Amino acid sequence: MNNNFNNHRHQKRIKIFMTIVILLIILSFLYWFFLVRGREFTDDAYIHADMAKISSRIFGTINSILVENDDYVKKGDLLLTLDDRELKLEKESLLAVKE
């Protein structure tokens, strides 16, 4: 009789343990599905994005840069300002030669 009681007790412990394991698996899956599934993880903290090289139509010295690294810019945004003293001097010399 005592052996039967121990056997029943052992089976009950196995059922409780298996129920806990199954619940943990289900909770882990739900956590992943609702909270982690769509997230991007990186080890080096870089995500590939579109990059474009830029150049100016005229030569000159840069006065100030108006954007920071990784800023989002769109077509027509002012990125930097150039020193216009050299351009003004060149314009004046061209006008002087023309007259």
Protein backbone atom coordinates (compact mmCIF):
# COMPACT_ATOMS: atom_id res chain seq x y z
CA MET A 1 0.00 0.00 0.00
CA ASN A 2 2.80 2.39 0.87
CA ASN A 3 4.53 1.63 -2.44
CA ASN A 4 1.35 2.48 -4.36
CA PHE A 5 1.11 5.78 -2.45
CA ASN A 6 4.73 6.66 -3.30
CA ASN A 7 4.16 5.76 -6.93
CA HIS A 8 1.06 7.98 -7.11
CA ARG A 9 2.96 10.80 -5.40
CA HIS A 10 5.85 10.43 -7.85
CA GLN A 11 3.46 10.55 -10.85
CA LYS A 12 1.81 13.68 -9.42
CA ARG A 13 5.22 15.41 -9.12
CA ILE A 14 6.06 14.48 -12.72
CA LYS A 15 2.73 15.91 -13.92
CA ILE A 16 3.30 19.16 -12.00
CA PHE A 17 6.84 19.44 -13.35
CA MET A 18 5.74 18.78 -16.95
CA THR A 19 2.90 21.30 -16.58
CA ILE A 20 5.37 23.96 -15.39
CA VAL A 21 7.76 23.18 -18.27
CA ILE A 22 4.97 23.40 -20.85
CA LEU A 23 3.72 26.69 -19.36
CA LEU A 24 7.26 28.12 -19.47
CA ILE A 25 7.61 27.11 -23.12
CA ILE A 26 4.26 28.72 -23.98
CA LEU A 27 5.10 31.92 -22.07
CA SER A 28 8.51 32.10 -23.73
CA PHE A 29 6.94 31.75 -27.15
CA LEU A 30 4.32 34.42 -26.39
CA TYR A 31 7.03 36.78 -25.10
CA TRP A 32 9.05 36.27 -28.27
CA PHE A 33 6.01 36.57 -30.56
CA PHE A 34 4.63 39.79 -29.10
CA LEU A 35 7.72 41.61 -27.81
CA VAL A 36 10.89 40.42 -29.55
CA ARG A 37 9.94 39.08 -32.98
CA GLY A 38 10.02 42.35 -34.95
CA ARG A 39 13.04 43.98 -33.32
CA GLU A 40 16.43 44.43 -34.96
CA PHE A 41 19.45 43.49 -32.85
CA THR A 42 23.05 44.21 -33.77
CA ASP A 43 26.33 43.49 -32.03
CA ASP A 44 28.19 46.44 -33.52
CA ALA A 45 25.31 48.97 -33.26
CA TYR A 46 25.29 49.73 -36.98
CA ILE A 47 22.30 49.32 -39.25
CA HIS A 48 22.78 49.50 -43.00
CA ALA A 49 21.06 52.47 -44.59
CA ASP A 50 21.06 54.43 -47.80
CA MET A 51 24.03 56.75 -48.10
CA ALA A 52 24.90 59.20 -50.81
CA LYS A 53 28.11 61.02 -51.64
CA ILE A 54 27.73 64.73 -52.14
CA SER A 55 29.82 67.34 -53.90
CA SER A 56 29.47 71.00 -54.67
CA ARG A 57 29.28 72.62 -58.09
CA ILE A 58 31.84 75.23 -57.05
CA PHE A 59 35.06 75.12 -55.08
CA GLY A 60 35.32 76.94 -51.77
CA THR A 61 36.13 76.78 -48.12
CA ILE A 62 33.41 75.43 -45.83
CA ASN A 63 32.18 77.97 -43.26
CA SER A 64 29.78 75.75 -41.34
CA ILE A 65 28.22 72.33 -41.56
CA LEU A 66 24.49 72.43 -40.81
CA VAL A 67 23.81 68.69 -40.37
CA GLU A 68 25.19 66.04 -38.06
CA ASN A 69 26.31 62.54 -38.90
CA ASP A 70 23.32 60.21 -39.52
CA ASP A 71 20.81 63.09 -39.80
CA TYR A 72 17.89 62.51 -42.16
CA VAL A 73 17.95 64.99 -45.03
CA LYS A 74 15.77 65.40 -48.06
CA LYS A 75 16.30 66.95 -51.45
CA GLY A 76 16.82 70.70 -51.22
CA ASP A 77 17.99 70.80 -47.58
CA LEU A 78 20.94 73.11 -46.91
CA LEU A 79 23.84 70.95 -45.72
CA LEU A 80 26.66 73.47 -45.39
CA THR A 81 27.69 77.03 -46.15
CA LEU A 82 30.72 78.06 -48.16
CA ASP A 83 32.95 81.08 -47.67
CA ASP A 84 31.87 83.43 -50.45
CA ARG A 85 34.78 85.92 -50.23
CA GLU A 86 36.74 84.13 -52.95
CA LEU A 87 33.68 84.05 -55.21
CA LYS A 88 33.05 87.77 -54.70
CA LEU A 89 36.68 88.58 -55.56
CA GLU A 90 36.50 86.42 -58.67
CA LYS A 91 33.24 88.09 -59.70
CA GLU A 92 34.74 91.55 -59.21
CA SER A 93 37.83 90.67 -61.27
CA LEU A 94 35.66 89.29 -64.07
CA LEU A 95 33.53 92.42 -64.07
CA ALA A 96 36.65 94.60 -64.13
CA VAL A 97 38.05 92.72 -67.11
CA LYS A 98 34.70 92.96 -68.90
CA GLU A 99 34.59 96.77 -68.54
